[in-house]
Amino acid sequence: VALSLCVALILDGAFLGPAISRALGNEDVLAFDQDAAQPLSMALLVVYVIPTITAAVRRLHDSDKSGWWLLIGFTVIGLIPLIFYFVKGGKKGDNRFGT
């Protein structure tokens, strides 16, 4: 996932972004310019969002926590327990959220 996003960012920055920006009338855009369009990397981010969320919820279920715990990640301090739950070992056997 990370490697494909890096490749997409490089392709967007070097080729696609400036070409699309020039086609839309912005002639001042150079390669790797922050004003350039990034269609490939944005499309990959949209595609990867749902599998990433489902993997995180499955990992929380392995730690015997509800998937709603993922919402505490929106607070800065909430990232600490989330990282702890993602790293710690899962519960053996059935948990209250299924197998």
Protein backbone atom coordinates (compact mmCIF):
# COMPACT_ATOMS: atom_id res chain seq x y z
CA VAL A 1 0.00 0.00 0.00
CA ALA A 2 2.67 2.51 1.01
CA LEU A 3 4.89 1.59 -1.92
CA SER A 4 2.06 2.02 -4.42
CA LEU A 5 1.20 5.41 -2.92
CA CYS A 6 4.84 6.50 -3.20
CA VAL A 7 4.93 5.45 -6.85
CA ALA A 8 1.64 7.27 -7.48
CA LEU A 9 2.96 10.45 -5.85
CA ILE A 10 6.10 10.33 -7.98
CA LEU A 11 4.11 9.76 -11.18
CA ASP A 12 1.69 12.53 -10.23
CA GLY A 13 4.45 14.97 -9.38
CA ALA A 14 6.61 14.29 -12.39
CA PHE A 15 4.13 13.68 -15.19
CA LEU A 16 0.40 13.63 -14.55
CA GLY A 17 0.01 16.61 -12.24
CA PRO A 18 1.79 19.20 -14.40
CA ALA A 19 0.20 17.86 -17.59
CA ILE A 20 -3.32 18.08 -16.18
CA SER A 21 -2.67 21.49 -14.65
CA ARG A 22 -1.36 22.80 -17.98
CA ALA A 23 -4.37 21.33 -19.78
CA LEU A 24 -6.63 23.20 -17.37
CA GLY A 25 -4.91 26.47 -18.22
CA ASN A 26 -2.33 26.86 -15.43
CA GLU A 27 0.91 27.26 -17.44
CA ASP A 28 3.09 28.11 -14.42
CA VAL A 29 3.02 24.62 -12.87
CA LEU A 30 6.33 22.76 -12.82
CA ALA A 31 7.13 19.17 -11.93
CA PHE A 32 6.61 18.40 -8.22
CA ASP A 33 4.89 21.75 -7.71
CA GLN A 34 2.43 21.80 -4.81
CA ASP A 35 -0.16 23.44 -7.03
CA ALA A 36 -0.13 20.53 -9.48
CA ALA A 37 -3.04 18.11 -9.63
CA GLN A 38 -2.59 14.67 -8.03
CA PRO A 39 -5.27 12.47 -9.59
CA LEU A 40 -3.56 9.08 -9.31
CA SER A 41 -2.58 9.40 -5.66
CA MET A 42 -6.02 10.77 -4.71
CA ALA A 43 -7.71 7.85 -6.47
CA LEU A 44 -5.50 5.35 -4.64
CA LEU A 45 -6.25 7.00 -1.30
CA VAL A 46 -9.97 6.65 -1.96
CA VAL A 47 -9.52 3.00 -2.94
CA TYR A 48 -7.40 2.18 0.15
CA VAL A 49 -9.55 3.93 2.76
CA ILE A 50 -12.16 1.19 3.28
CA PRO A 51 -9.73 -1.78 3.47
CA THR A 52 -7.58 0.14 5.94
CA ILE A 53 -10.55 0.90 8.19
CA THR A 54 -11.78 -2.70 8.09
CA ALA A 55 -8.31 -4.03 8.94
CA ALA A 56 -8.12 -1.64 11.90
CA VAL A 57 -11.55 -2.73 13.14
CA ARG A 58 -10.57 -6.41 12.81
CA ARG A 59 -7.42 -5.69 14.82
CA LEU A 60 -9.46 -3.97 17.53
CA HIS A 61 -11.80 -6.98 17.63
CA ASP A 62 -8.73 -9.21 18.12
CA SER A 63 -7.92 -7.10 21.17
CA ASP A 64 -11.51 -7.62 22.42
CA LYS A 65 -12.46 -3.99 21.77
CA SER A 66 -15.34 -2.62 19.73
CA GLY A 67 -14.65 -1.11 16.31
CA TRP A 68 -16.06 2.16 17.61
CA TRP A 69 -12.78 2.60 19.50
CA LEU A 70 -11.31 3.62 16.15
CA LEU A 71 -13.06 6.97 16.53
CA ILE A 72 -10.81 8.00 19.43
CA GLY A 73 -8.07 8.31 16.82
CA PHE A 74 -9.58 11.67 15.87
CA THR A 75 -8.24 13.06 19.13
CA VAL A 76 -4.50 13.45 19.47
CA ILE A 77 -4.35 11.72 22.84
CA GLY A 78 -6.55 8.88 21.53
CA LEU A 79 -3.81 7.69 19.18
CA ILE A 80 -1.81 6.34 22.12
CA PRO A 81 -4.34 3.66 23.20
CA LEU A 82 -5.06 2.82 19.56
CA ILE A 83 -1.40 2.13 18.87
CA PHE A 84 -1.29 0.02 22.03
CA TYR A 85 -4.33 -2.03 20.93
CA PHE A 86 -2.93 -2.50 17.42
CA VAL A 87 0.44 -3.73 18.73
CA LYS A 88 -0.61 -5.97 21.61
CA GLY A 89 -1.34 -9.62 20.99
CA GLY A 90 -4.85 -10.74 20.20
CA LYS A 91 -7.10 -12.79 22.43
CA LYS A 92 -6.95 -16.54 21.81
CA GLY A 93 -10.18 -18.19 20.71
CA ASP A 94 -13.55 -16.51 20.47
CA ASN A 95 -14.09 -12.97 21.60
CA ARG A 96 -17.34 -11.12 22.15
CA PHE A 97 -17.28 -9.76 18.57
CA GLY A 98 -17.02 -13.16 16.83
CA THR A 99 -14.17 -15.43 15.83
